[in-house]
Amino acid sequence: MNRIQHLSTQVNNCTPVPAKSDNDVVICGAVRTPLTKAKKGLLRDTPPEVLLSTAFAGLLQRTKVDPKLIQDIVVGNVNQPGSGAITSKMAAFLAGFPDTTCLTAINRFCSSGIEACAVIAAKIRTGMLDIGIGAGVEQMSMYDMQSQMNAELLSDAIFDHPCARDCLLGMGQTSENVAAQFGITRLQQDKFAYESQQKAYKAQSEGLYKDEIIPVKTTIKDGEKTKEVTVTEDDGIRKETTLEGLGKLKPAFGKDGSTTAGNSSQVTDGAAAVLLARRSVAKKLGLPILGRFLDYTVAGVPPGIMGIGPAAAIPQLLQRNSLKPNDICIYEINEAFASQSVYCVEKIGIDPTRVNPKGGAIALGHPLGCTGARQVATLLPEMKRKKAKYGVISMCIATGMGAAALIENEQN
């Protein structure tokens, strides 16, 4: 039995999805800002507190909830010092939340946004809260991935432990490790990337992102001049992408590698926010009920091949809820790299047509702490459009983990 098979059989407390009740955790709204290229896009000069406050304000406007009723907010962030706790609280004030609304910030790397939602959901489920917000923000133009760690402060002892040492591997190298270990070819990766771009372009052309995006009013700097702009669309989608063009790109992490700029996620700026409540409270307040936040799980994998995380987390999630891969209508699986995405989809046995139907991070971008919450905003309108019953959000996580969340659609 290999490691992934072992991981997927560890959980034996399988329970069918419960019937609806007033104690359910429901999703009342989910929005995101446009996602734009770090250092190049129109959000490059927009501070994280402005990005996040825009998402907060948009969520309040869409749901019509009184901000005074929000008891707690959890914000996912990866690169800012202290996970951006101070700027996130500032964002809450800027969006109109009173000083009685509490907030904290967390960092579980690429799953931070969905982890934030799961923390709020768990608090509601256990009676600690009635209503709260899970959110995420990443300003990668201003805070890069090196800003979170000072290598000079690390102990020499880590180099004596292979897993501890592999936590320092660059994410691109872990992509190469997955491709080499599991035989994922360059052509498979480029084909996956091409399809992500095509799906995203089609979705954008058909206006399918409008239900999830809150425009951002901001200023951009051009030398000593500034200009006011309103950003309404994602800018990483490349409609001109061809399979032939992708095949001409040079490997980014070694001359003999297969991971390129074209089959990897884009470095991106953006924010997202999700309103969750106990069903009885949502009904009493007259809030929209879009779906149920049913379950969430994380699973550990070797850090050197951290990209296989969804192949551990998704089976664990499905087994725990007595579901099979084909019971899920839509999978939002973060496209950190095409190598790991291809592996996970094939390993689990997912119908590829159910994965990222509006494109994923290769086309849209991957603002680390935002992505999990962004996926909720992307998933729910598509579930409504396709009358899908169940959706899964998943991603791989740096240092060797995978996360997965199960959502049930309640939209007509």
Foldseek 3Di string as FASTA:
>chain_A
DDPLVVLLPPDDQAAAQDDDDLLFKFWQDKAKAAKEFAPPGPCNPPDFLQQALLQVLVRCVVFVDDLAQAAEEEEEAAFDVQRCQPSVVVSCVVNPHDPNHYYHYDYQWQQQQVVRVVVVRVCSNVVNGFKHKGKYWFNCNVTPNVNRDDVVPDDPVLVVPVLSVLLPDDPLQLLQVLCVVVVPDLLLLLVQLVVLLQLQVVCVVVVVNQQHHRWRWDWDDDPPDIDIDIDTHFDQRDNPDDSVVSVPFAADPDRPGNFGLRFAFGAIGMMMMIMIGRNNVCVVSVGHGWWTFRDKDKDFDRQSNLLLQLSSAVSNVQRNNVHAQVLAQAEEEARRGSSSVVVSCVSRVHDVCRYPSNHHRSRRGRSRRGRNSSVVSSPRSVCQVVVRAKYKYKYGTRSGMIMMTIIGGDHD
